[in-house]
Structure formats: C-alpha cells, structure tokens
C-alpha atoms as a PDB file:
ATOM      1  CA  MET A   1      -1.331  50.334   1.364  1.00  0.00           C
ATOM      2  CA  ILE A   2       1.187  52.282   3.475  1.00  0.00           C
ATOM      3  CA  GLY A   3       3.999  50.562   1.566  1.00  0.00           C
ATOM      4  CA  VAL A   4       2.627  51.846  -1.736  1.00  0.00           C
ATOM      5  CA  ILE A   5       2.352  55.369  -0.335  1.00  0.00           C
ATOM      6  CA  GLY A   6       5.989  55.040   0.749  1.00  0.00           C
ATOM      7  CA  ILE A   7       7.022  54.814  -2.903  1.00  0.00           C
ATOM      8  CA  PHE A   8       6.096  58.458  -3.343  1.00  0.00           C
ATOM      9  CA  LEU A   9       6.908  59.837   0.126  1.00  0.00           C
ATOM     10  CA  PRO A  10      10.531  59.470   1.240  1.00  0.00           C
ATOM     11  CA  VAL A  11       9.465  59.694   4.902  1.00  0.00           C
ATOM     12  CA  LEU A  12       7.624  56.345   4.740  1.00  0.00           C
ATOM     13  CA  PRO A  13       9.820  53.427   3.710  1.00  0.00           C
ATOM     14  CA  THR A  14       8.184  51.013   1.296  1.00  0.00           C
ATOM     15  CA  THR A  15      10.184  47.847   1.836  1.00  0.00           C
ATOM     16  CA  PRO A  16       9.602  47.256   5.560  1.00  0.00           C
ATOM     17  CA  PHE A  17       5.855  47.717   5.118  1.00  0.00           C
ATOM     18  CA  LEU A  18       5.765  45.313   2.171  1.00  0.00           C
ATOM     19  CA  LEU A  19       7.745  42.703   4.087  1.00  0.00           C
ATOM     20  CA  LEU A  20       5.461  43.167   7.091  1.00  0.00           C
ATOM     21  CA  ALA A  21       2.394  42.758   4.856  1.00  0.00           C
ATOM     22  CA  CYS A  22       3.902  39.610   3.367  1.00  0.00           C
ATOM     23  CA  PHE A  23       4.624  38.227   6.842  1.00  0.00           C
ATOM     24  CA  CYS A  24       1.082  38.969   8.055  1.00  0.00           C
ATOM     25  CA  TYR A  25      -0.602  37.673   4.887  1.00  0.00           C
ATOM     26  CA  GLU A  26       1.439  34.477   5.051  1.00  0.00           C
ATOM     27  CA  ARG A  27      -0.160  33.697   8.394  1.00  0.00           C
ATOM     28  CA  GLY A  28      -3.583  35.265   7.958  1.00  0.00           C
ATOM     29  CA  SER A  29      -4.611  35.157   4.316  1.00  0.00           C
ATOM     30  CA  PRO A  30      -2.951  32.718   1.920  1.00  0.00           C
ATOM     31  CA  ARG A  31      -4.863  34.294  -0.969  1.00  0.00           C
ATOM     32  CA  PHE A  32      -3.516  37.810  -0.310  1.00  0.00           C
ATOM     33  CA  HIS A  33      -0.058  36.400   0.400  1.00  0.00           C
ATOM     34  CA  GLN A  34       0.001  34.682  -2.987  1.00  0.00           C
ATOM     35  CA  ALA A  35      -1.311  37.816  -4.698  1.00  0.00           C
ATOM     36  CA  LEU A  36       1.501  39.847  -3.137  1.00  0.00           C
ATOM     37  CA  LEU A  37       4.125  37.316  -4.232  1.00  0.00           C
ATOM     38  CA  GLU A  38       2.691  37.320  -7.774  1.00  0.00           C
ATOM     39  CA  ASN A  39       2.610  41.120  -8.014  1.00  0.00           C
ATOM     40  CA  ARG A  40       4.696  42.058 -11.015  1.00  0.00           C
ATOM     41  CA  TYR A  41       6.436  44.969  -9.258  1.00  0.00           C
ATOM     42  CA  PHE A  42       6.895  43.794  -5.678  1.00  0.00           C
ATOM     43  CA  GLY A  43       6.686  40.007  -5.937  1.00  0.00           C
ATOM     44  CA  PRO A  44      10.183  39.306  -7.309  1.00  0.00           C
ATOM     45  CA  LEU A  45      11.788  41.570  -4.714  1.00  0.00           C
ATOM     46  CA  ILE A  46       9.902  39.907  -1.866  1.00  0.00           C
ATOM     47  CA  VAL A  47      10.761  36.433  -3.142  1.00  0.00           C
ATOM     48  CA  GLU A  48      14.402  37.467  -3.490  1.00  0.00           C
ATOM     49  CA  TRP A  49      14.495  38.628   0.124  1.00  0.00           C
ATOM     50  CA  LYS A  50      12.522  35.696   1.559  1.00  0.00           C
ATOM     51  CA  GLU A  51      14.392  32.931  -0.252  1.00  0.00           C
ATOM     52  CA  PHE A  52      17.908  34.312  -0.453  1.00  0.00           C
ATOM     53  CA  GLY A  53      18.087  37.239   1.989  1.00  0.00           C
ATOM     54  CA  SER A  54      19.436  39.296  -0.873  1.00  0.00           C
ATOM     55  CA  ILE A  55      18.695  42.587  -2.558  1.00  0.00           C
ATOM     56  CA  PRO A  56      19.169  42.909  -6.332  1.00  0.00           C
ATOM     57  CA  VAL A  57      21.914  45.303  -7.437  1.00  0.00           C
ATOM     58  CA  ARG A  58      19.432  47.508  -9.295  1.00  0.00           C
ATOM     59  CA  ALA A  59      17.265  47.830  -6.161  1.00  0.00           C
ATOM     60  CA  LYS A  60      20.346  48.725  -4.112  1.00  0.00           C
ATOM     61  CA  ILE A  61      21.320  51.438  -6.569  1.00  0.00           C
ATOM     62  CA  ILE A  62      17.829  52.918  -6.575  1.00  0.00           C
ATOM     63  CA  ALA A  63      17.500  52.729  -2.774  1.00  0.00           C
ATOM     64  CA  VAL A  64      20.862  54.318  -1.995  1.00  0.00           C
ATOM     65  CA  THR A  65      20.331  57.009  -4.651  1.00  0.00           C
ATOM     66  CA  MET A  66      16.964  57.927  -3.141  1.00  0.00           C
ATOM     67  CA  ILE A  67      18.482  57.976   0.360  1.00  0.00           C
ATOM     68  CA  VAL A  68      21.267  60.303  -0.784  1.00  0.00           C
ATOM     69  CA  ILE A  69      18.803  62.632  -2.518  1.00  0.00           C
ATOM     70  CA  SER A  70      16.354  62.679   0.410  1.00  0.00           C
ATOM     71  CA  ILE A  71      18.943  63.027   3.150  1.00  0.00           C
ATOM     72  CA  GLY A  72      20.878  65.564   1.104  1.00  0.00           C
ATOM     73  CA  TRP A  73      17.780  67.712   0.765  1.00  0.00           C
ATOM     74  CA  VAL A  74      17.030  67.495   4.504  1.00  0.00           C
ATOM     75  CA  VAL A  75      20.631  68.338   5.424  1.00  0.00           C
ATOM     76  CA  TYR A  76      20.494  71.318   3.085  1.00  0.00           C
ATOM     77  CA  ALA A  77      17.072  72.547   4.253  1.00  0.00           C
ATOM     78  CA  ALA A  78      17.028  71.737   7.984  1.00  0.00           C
ATOM     79  CA  PRO A  79      17.884  74.702  10.195  1.00  0.00           C
ATOM     80  CA  ILE A  80      18.805  72.576  13.243  1.00  0.00           C
ATOM     81  CA  LEU A  81      22.258  71.012  13.396  1.00  0.00           C
ATOM     82  CA  MET A  82      21.100  67.970  15.410  1.00  0.00           C
ATOM     83  CA  VAL A  83      18.489  67.180  12.750  1.00  0.00           C
ATOM     84  CA  LYS A  84      21.179  67.296  10.096  1.00  0.00           C
ATOM     85  CA  VAL A  85      23.487  65.040  12.105  1.00  0.00           C
ATOM     86  CA  ALA A  86      20.695  62.581  12.947  1.00  0.00           C
ATOM     87  CA  MET A  87      19.626  62.343   9.313  1.00  0.00           C
ATOM     88  CA  LEU A  88      23.204  61.767   8.176  1.00  0.00           C
ATOM     89  CA  VAL A  89      23.673  59.004  10.763  1.00  0.00           C
ATOM     90  CA  ILE A  90      20.364  57.338   9.837  1.00  0.00           C
ATOM     91  CA  GLY A  91      20.975  57.653   6.091  1.00  0.00           C
ATOM     92  CA  THR A  92      24.497  56.295   6.385  1.00  0.00           C
ATOM     93  CA  SER A  93      23.388  53.394   8.598  1.00  0.00           C
ATOM     94  CA  VAL A  94      20.569  52.374   6.272  1.00  0.00           C
ATOM     95  CA  SER A  95      22.808  52.695   3.211  1.00  0.00           C
ATOM     96  CA  VAL A  96      25.509  50.531   4.810  1.00  0.00           C
ATOM     97  CA  TYR A  97      22.900  47.910   5.734  1.00  0.00           C
ATOM     98  CA  ILE A  98      21.532  47.837   2.181  1.00  0.00           C
ATOM     99  CA  LEU A  99      24.968  47.693   0.579  1.00  0.00           C
ATOM    100  CA  THR A 100      26.173  44.879   2.840  1.00  0.00           C
ATOM    101  CA  ARG A 101      23.290  42.537   1.956  1.00  0.00           C
ATOM    102  CA  PRO A 102      24.155  39.891  -0.621  1.00  0.00           C
ATOM    103  CA  SER A 103      23.127  40.448  -4.235  1.00  0.00           C
ATOM    104  CA  ARG A 104      22.129  38.226  -7.063  1.00  0.00           C
ATOM    105  CA  HIS A 105      22.618  39.200 -10.667  1.00  0.00           C
ATOM    106  CA  ARG A 106      18.996  39.375 -11.775  1.00  0.00           C
ATOM    107  CA  ILE A 107      15.664  39.604 -10.022  1.00  0.00           C
ATOM    108  CA  GLY A 108      14.376  36.763 -12.194  1.00  0.00           C
ATOM    109  CA  ASP A 109      16.960  34.401 -10.659  1.00  0.00           C
ATOM    110  CA  ALA A 110      14.859  34.315  -7.490  1.00  0.00           C
ATOM    111  CA  LEU A 111      11.950  32.815  -9.378  1.00  0.00           C
ATOM    112  CA  ASN A 112      13.869  30.044 -11.133  1.00  0.00           C
END
C-alpha cells in the first residue's frame, strides 16, 4: 500500500516498497506474491528486476525525470543551503544508480 501511495508523493519511493512487498510475499504468501507478479502495472517491472537485475529504458526516463523535477523544486523552495546540498547529493546519487543499471529494450522481454 505504501508503494502505491509513493506513486503520487515524491517523498515516498514506490520501487523499494514494491520490491520489499514482493520479497515478503514470496516467503509469506505465495498467492499475494503471484498476484503482485501478475499485476499489469507493476508485475513486468518486478519480473524485470528479479530475473535480469535491469530497469527498462522507459522506467529510467520516467524515474530520472521525476527526480529532477522533485529535487529541482526542493532546491528552488528550500530556504536552508544544507537542505539544498543534501537533496542534490541524494538526487544525483539515486539518478546515477538508476542510470547505471542494465536495460533491456522492452518490458515484455522479461516475460518471454
């Protein structure tokens, strides 16, 4: 549930919560785990990460764009210099991590 909320609130990241839910469901509830993997929105991305350790190019573009927008707004609006610097360091680090993960051409490739 927190992962879904993270879609709309830039403060809560969606992906780590979805991967954590998948990890927990895999061990605790095979039914919920399968439902998460079959979800039409999140399933292909989770399968892509679990099987190949990769992030689709489209997901990278969306993620980095949202990071730039969110961090840019905070840097513009924050009155404290250390907050601005911290946000820039965090945003840059996360963006570099995302961009250095391998990519596959299509999300559907993970399911074939």
